[in-house]
């Protein structure tokens, strides 16, 4: 009974992933983002001309950068879904996807600053917040650069030698991924309903990253069932710590958020480099002991 239930869960995850990875799906998602962005631009323009207020008695923000903010928010939602599916394939790639999302959040934060300015933009209004905007822009670029190095030094060598145990670990990651997917959908719907009712919304991405922290720790513990070597435990635990720092960066003030995000990326690079070095050292030590025998 348990084996059948686990097989159904795995099949469900694989079906969702195949659907998400299809080119047709990606094109539909892209088309939706474009349509929403253009529609929001029209809505904001109608609001600026007081047409919506006269017809429906509703107040809509009158700054066109609200459309950019919402478009980036939806784009980040798409990236989070990709992160959920990446988790089942590689813990290291999933962490890389988290840094991708962080860099996009920093870019979104840059656009978000413009929401508070009047149109057309005036230097007097922008002169003080411009340093926050530049900080987020440069921080996103630096994390992008660090991420390029991080992906380049990944070896993707399985730390579980047994094929049967490797499949079991992948199954465990898929189940965790399904749980994250359910939480993502529930949180997105709940936050959207709160916004439609005019209630205060929460920081969706900061909340989801909090969930990621616990899921990463859970995966560290699950990995112990298949390998308890120091190198593997340290690497997976280090990646979990990097997720915690990313979570802190999401709620940190300007300048500090960039420092935390870049620090987490450099830490992940360091963990990966030392892990790769330890694997080489272990291999050399094993060969030397074999020769001695």
Protein backbone atom coordinates (compact mmCIF):
# COMPACT_ATOMS: atom_id res chain seq x y z
CA UNK A 1 0.00 0.00 0.00
CA UNK A 2 2.79 2.40 0.95
CA UNK A 3 4.80 1.52 -2.15
CA UNK A 4 1.76 2.16 -4.36
CA UNK A 5 1.10 5.53 -2.71
CA UNK A 6 4.73 6.58 -3.19
CA UNK A 7 4.59 5.50 -6.83
CA UNK A 8 1.45 7.61 -7.36
CA UNK A 9 3.16 10.63 -5.80
CA UNK A 10 6.18 10.16 -8.03
CA UNK A 11 3.96 9.82 -11.10
CA UNK A 12 2.10 13.00 -10.15
CA UNK A 13 5.35 14.93 -9.79
CA UNK A 14 6.67 13.64 -13.12
CA UNK A 15 3.39 14.55 -14.85
CA UNK A 16 3.46 18.11 -13.45
CA UNK A 17 7.10 18.48 -14.45
CA UNK A 18 6.51 17.24 -18.01
CA UNK A 19 3.59 19.63 -18.36
CA UNK A 20 5.61 22.55 -17.02
CA UNK A 21 8.67 21.86 -19.17
CA UNK A 22 6.71 21.64 -22.45
CA UNK A 23 7.45 24.41 -24.93
CA UNK A 24 3.75 24.98 -25.39
CA UNK A 25 3.33 25.61 -21.67
CA UNK A 26 6.23 28.05 -21.60
CA UNK A 27 4.78 29.93 -24.55
CA UNK A 28 1.37 30.12 -22.90
CA UNK A 29 2.95 31.42 -19.69
CA UNK A 30 4.92 33.99 -21.67
CA UNK A 31 1.79 35.10 -23.51
CA UNK A 32 -0.09 35.47 -20.21
CA UNK A 33 2.69 37.64 -18.77
CA UNK A 34 2.65 39.87 -21.85
CA UNK A 35 -1.15 40.21 -21.80
CA UNK A 36 -1.25 40.99 -18.08
CA UNK A 37 1.50 43.59 -18.44
CA UNK A 38 -0.23 45.36 -21.34
CA UNK A 39 -3.62 45.14 -19.64
CA UNK A 40 -2.22 46.71 -16.46
CA UNK A 41 -0.68 49.53 -18.46
CA UNK A 42 -4.11 50.23 -19.96
CA UNK A 43 -5.81 50.04 -16.55
CA UNK A 44 -3.31 52.46 -15.02
CA UNK A 45 -3.78 54.88 -17.92
CA UNK A 46 -7.56 54.73 -17.51
CA UNK A 47 -7.10 55.34 -13.79
CA UNK A 48 -4.92 58.40 -14.50
CA UNK A 49 -7.75 59.79 -16.64
CA UNK A 50 -10.28 59.13 -13.82
CA UNK A 51 -12.33 56.89 -16.15
CA UNK A 52 -12.36 53.87 -13.81
CA UNK A 53 -13.28 56.04 -10.83
CA UNK A 54 -16.23 57.55 -12.69
CA UNK A 55 -17.48 54.21 -14.05
CA UNK A 56 -16.88 51.83 -11.15
CA UNK A 57 -15.98 54.05 -8.22
CA UNK A 58 -12.69 52.23 -7.63
CA UNK A 59 -9.28 53.76 -7.02
CA UNK A 60 -6.44 52.19 -9.00
CA UNK A 61 -2.78 53.27 -8.67
CA UNK A 62 -1.91 55.91 -11.24
CA UNK A 63 1.76 55.04 -11.73
CA UNK A 64 2.66 52.94 -14.77
CA UNK A 65 5.50 51.30 -12.87
CA UNK A 66 2.87 49.32 -10.95
CA UNK A 67 2.44 47.30 -14.15
CA UNK A 68 6.19 46.60 -14.20
CA UNK A 69 6.11 45.56 -10.56
CA UNK A 70 3.25 43.12 -11.11
CA UNK A 71 4.86 41.71 -14.25
CA UNK A 72 8.10 41.04 -12.36
CA UNK A 73 6.15 39.49 -9.49
CA UNK A 74 4.49 37.04 -11.87
CA UNK A 75 7.84 36.31 -13.51
CA UNK A 76 9.28 35.50 -10.09
CA UNK A 77 6.36 33.15 -9.50
CA UNK A 78 7.30 31.31 -12.69
CA UNK A 79 10.91 31.02 -11.48
CA UNK A 80 9.77 29.66 -8.11
CA UNK A 81 7.84 26.90 -9.90
CA UNK A 82 10.99 26.03 -11.84
CA UNK A 83 12.85 25.88 -8.52
CA UNK A 84 10.39 23.31 -7.16
CA UNK A 85 11.03 21.00 -10.11
CA UNK A 86 14.80 21.57 -10.04
CA UNK A 87 14.88 20.34 -6.46
CA UNK A 88 14.19 16.76 -7.54
CA UNK A 89 17.17 16.67 -9.88
CA UNK A 90 19.96 18.39 -7.97
CA UNK A 91 20.25 20.09 -4.58
CA UNK A 92 23.08 22.25 -5.92
CA UNK A 93 21.06 23.34 -8.98
CA UNK A 94 18.10 24.11 -6.73
CA UNK A 95 20.31 26.42 -4.64
CA UNK A 96 21.50 28.06 -7.86
CA UNK A 97 17.88 28.64 -8.82
CA UNK A 98 17.34 30.34 -5.44
CA UNK A 99 20.15 32.77 -6.24
CA UNK A 100 18.60 33.38 -9.66
CA UNK A 101 15.34 34.32 -7.95
CA UNK A 102 17.18 36.56 -5.46
CA UNK A 103 18.88 38.47 -8.29
CA UNK A 104 15.51 38.96 -10.02
CA UNK A 105 13.97 40.13 -6.75
CA UNK A 106 16.71 42.76 -6.47
CA UNK A 107 15.95 43.94 -10.00
CA UNK A 108 12.24 44.00 -9.16
CA UNK A 109 13.06 46.04 -6.07
CA UNK A 110 14.79 48.58 -8.32
CA UNK A 111 11.63 48.99 -10.40
CA UNK A 112 9.49 49.02 -7.26
CA UNK A 113 11.19 52.20 -6.06
CA UNK A 114 9.80 54.04 -9.10
CA UNK A 115 6.25 53.25 -7.98
CA UNK A 116 6.55 55.97 -5.33
CA UNK A 117 7.54 58.70 -7.80
CA UNK A 118 5.28 60.96 -9.83
CA UNK A 119 5.19 60.79 -13.61
CA UNK A 120 7.06 62.05 -15.49
CA UNK A 121 10.09 61.25 -13.38
CA UNK A 122 11.87 64.22 -11.83
CA UNK A 123 15.48 64.16 -10.61
CA UNK A 124 14.51 65.92 -7.38
CA UNK A 125 12.39 62.93 -6.40
CA UNK A 126 14.87 60.30 -7.56
CA UNK A 127 18.10 61.86 -6.27
CA UNK A 128 17.91 60.28 -2.79
CA UNK A 129 16.44 56.81 -3.56
CA UNK A 130 18.75 56.42 -6.58
CA UNK A 131 21.45 54.98 -4.32
CA UNK A 132 19.10 52.22 -3.18
CA UNK A 133 18.19 51.55 -6.80
CA UNK A 134 21.84 51.40 -7.90
CA UNK A 135 22.68 49.15 -4.94
CA UNK A 136 20.01 46.63 -5.92
CA UNK A 137 21.01 46.79 -9.59
CA UNK A 138 24.72 46.26 -8.92
CA UNK A 139 23.94 43.60 -6.31
CA UNK A 140 21.82 41.68 -8.83
CA UNK A 141 24.65 41.87 -11.37
CA UNK A 142 27.26 40.68 -8.88
CA UNK A 143 25.09 37.74 -7.81
CA UNK A 144 24.57 36.92 -11.50
CA UNK A 145 28.34 36.85 -11.93
CA UNK A 146 28.88 34.74 -8.81
CA UNK A 147 26.16 32.38 -9.98
CA UNK A 148 27.99 31.87 -13.29
CA UNK A 149 31.07 30.73 -11.35
CA UNK A 150 28.93 28.58 -9.05
CA UNK A 151 27.36 26.67 -11.96
CA UNK A 152 30.70 26.29 -13.72
CA UNK A 153 32.41 24.52 -10.82
CA UNK A 154 29.58 22.05 -10.22
CA UNK A 155 30.62 18.45 -10.91
CA UNK A 156 27.23 16.72 -10.44
CA UNK A 157 28.76 13.46 -9.29
CA UNK A 158 26.24 11.31 -7.37
CA UNK A 159 27.25 10.82 -3.76
CA UNK A 160 25.02 7.73 -3.49
CA UNK A 161 26.66 4.74 -5.19
CA UNK A 162 23.75 2.31 -5.08
CA UNK A 163 21.31 2.76 -7.98
CA UNK A 164 18.40 1.58 -5.82
CA UNK A 165 19.20 4.03 -3.01
CA UNK A 166 19.73 6.83 -5.52
CA UNK A 167 16.20 6.29 -6.87
CA UNK A 168 14.86 6.30 -3.31
CA UNK A 169 16.57 9.63 -2.60
CA UNK A 170 15.18 11.12 -5.82
CA UNK A 171 11.72 9.90 -4.82
CA UNK A 172 12.09 11.59 -1.42
CA UNK A 173 13.08 14.86 -3.14
CA UNK A 174 10.08 14.62 -5.45
CA UNK A 175 7.74 14.19 -2.50
CA UNK A 176 9.28 17.25 -0.84
CA UNK A 177 8.88 19.06 -4.17
CA UNK A 178 5.20 18.16 -4.32
CA UNK A 179 4.71 19.54 -0.81
CA UNK A 180 6.46 22.78 -1.84
CA UNK A 181 4.26 22.98 -4.93
CA UNK A 182 1.11 22.62 -2.82
CA UNK A 183 2.33 25.29 -0.39
CA UNK A 184 3.21 27.61 -3.29
CA UNK A 185 -0.24 27.28 -4.86
CA UNK A 186 -2.05 27.73 -1.54
CA UNK A 187 0.04 30.77 -0.55
CA UNK A 188 -0.35 32.39 -3.98
CA UNK A 189 -4.14 31.95 -3.98
CA UNK A 190 -4.44 33.13 -0.37
CA UNK A 191 -2.30 36.22 -0.96
CA UNK A 192 -4.22 37.07 -4.15
CA UNK A 193 -7.59 36.78 -2.38
CA UNK A 194 -6.36 39.04 0.42
CA UNK A 195 -5.30 41.62 -2.18
CA UNK A 196 -8.68 41.45 -3.95
CA UNK A 197 -10.51 41.92 -0.63
CA UNK A 198 -8.37 44.95 0.13
CA UNK A 199 -6.71 43.24 3.10
CA UNK A 200 -3.04 43.52 3.98
CA UNK A 201 -0.92 41.04 2.06
CA UNK A 202 2.27 39.39 3.28
CA UNK A 203 5.65 39.20 1.58
CA UNK A 204 5.00 36.12 -0.53
CA UNK A 205 8.60 35.40 -1.56
CA UNK A 206 10.03 35.94 1.92
CA UNK A 207 7.41 33.55 3.28
CA UNK A 208 8.17 30.94 0.63
CA UNK A 209 11.90 31.20 1.31
CA UNK A 210 11.17 30.50 4.96
CA UNK A 211 9.50 27.27 3.86
CA UNK A 212 12.55 26.52 1.69
CA UNK A 213 14.80 26.77 4.75
CA UNK A 214 12.87 23.98 6.48
CA UNK A 215 12.70 21.88 3.30
CA UNK A 216 16.48 22.19 2.85
CA UNK A 217 17.09 21.06 6.43
CA UNK A 218 14.68 18.16 5.84
CA UNK A 219 16.65 17.13 2.74
CA UNK A 220 19.89 17.26 4.73
CA UNK A 221 18.39 14.84 7.24
CA UNK A 222 16.98 12.61 4.49
CA UNK A 223 20.39 12.46 2.80
CA UNK A 224 21.82 11.03 6.01
CA UNK A 225 19.76 7.89 5.36
CA UNK A 226 21.88 7.25 2.26
CA UNK A 227 25.25 8.82 3.03
CA UNK A 228 26.69 10.06 6.32
CA UNK A 229 30.14 11.02 5.03
CA UNK A 230 31.41 14.30 6.46
CA UNK A 231 31.92 15.93 3.05
CA UNK A 232 28.34 15.30 1.91
CA UNK A 233 26.82 16.37 5.25
CA UNK A 234 28.88 19.57 5.28
CA UNK A 235 28.02 20.45 1.68
CA UNK A 236 24.27 19.92 2.09
CA UNK A 237 24.24 21.71 5.45
CA UNK A 238 26.23 24.59 3.96
CA UNK A 239 23.70 24.93 1.15
CA UNK A 240 20.91 25.04 3.76
CA UNK A 241 22.74 27.84 5.61
CA UNK A 242 23.04 29.76 2.33
CA UNK A 243 19.25 29.55 1.98
CA UNK A 244 18.86 31.05 5.48
CA UNK A 245 21.09 33.98 4.51
CA UNK A 246 19.10 34.50 1.29
CA UNK A 247 15.94 34.61 3.42
CA UNK A 248 17.52 37.29 5.62
CA UNK A 249 18.54 39.27 2.54
CA UNK A 250 14.91 39.46 1.41
CA UNK A 251 13.88 41.46 4.48
CA UNK A 252 17.12 43.35 5.13
CA UNK A 253 17.38 47.11 4.49
CA UNK A 254 19.02 48.50 1.35
CA UNK A 255 22.77 47.87 1.00
CA UNK A 256 22.64 45.18 3.69
CA UNK A 257 20.42 42.98 1.51
CA UNK A 258 23.00 43.09 -1.30
CA UNK A 259 25.83 42.27 1.10
CA UNK A 260 23.95 39.29 2.51
CA UNK A 261 22.95 37.98 -0.92
CA UNK A 262 26.45 38.29 -2.35
CA UNK A 263 27.95 36.81 0.81
CA UNK A 264 25.63 33.80 0.55
CA UNK A 265 26.61 33.31 -3.11
CA UNK A 266 30.34 33.48 -2.31
CA UNK A 267 29.81 31.06 0.58
CA UNK A 268 28.05 28.60 -1.76
CA UNK A 269 30.96 28.88 -4.20
CA UNK A 270 33.40 28.23 -1.37
CA UNK A 271 31.47 25.20 -0.13
CA UNK A 272 31.33 23.76 -3.66
CA UNK A 273 35.04 24.36 -4.31
CA UNK A 274 36.13 22.78 -1.02
CA UNK A 275 33.74 19.86 -1.56
CA UNK A 276 35.21 19.21 -5.01
CA UNK A 277 38.70 19.44 -3.54
CA UNK A 278 37.81 16.99 -0.76
CA UNK A 279 36.48 14.51 -3.32
CA UNK A 280 39.79 14.62 -5.20
CA UNK A 281 41.72 14.19 -1.97
CA UNK A 282 39.57 11.24 -0.95
CA UNK A 283 40.08 9.60 -4.35
CA UNK A 284 43.87 10.06 -4.15
CA UNK A 285 43.95 8.69 -0.60
CA UNK A 286 41.91 5.66 -1.68
CA UNK A 287 44.24 4.93 -4.61
CA UNK A 288 47.33 5.29 -2.40
CA UNK A 289 45.98 2.90 0.21
CA UNK A 290 45.09 0.41 -2.54
CA UNK A 291 48.65 0.56 -3.90
CA UNK A 292 50.02 0.00 -0.41
CA UNK A 293 47.99 -3.15 -0.07
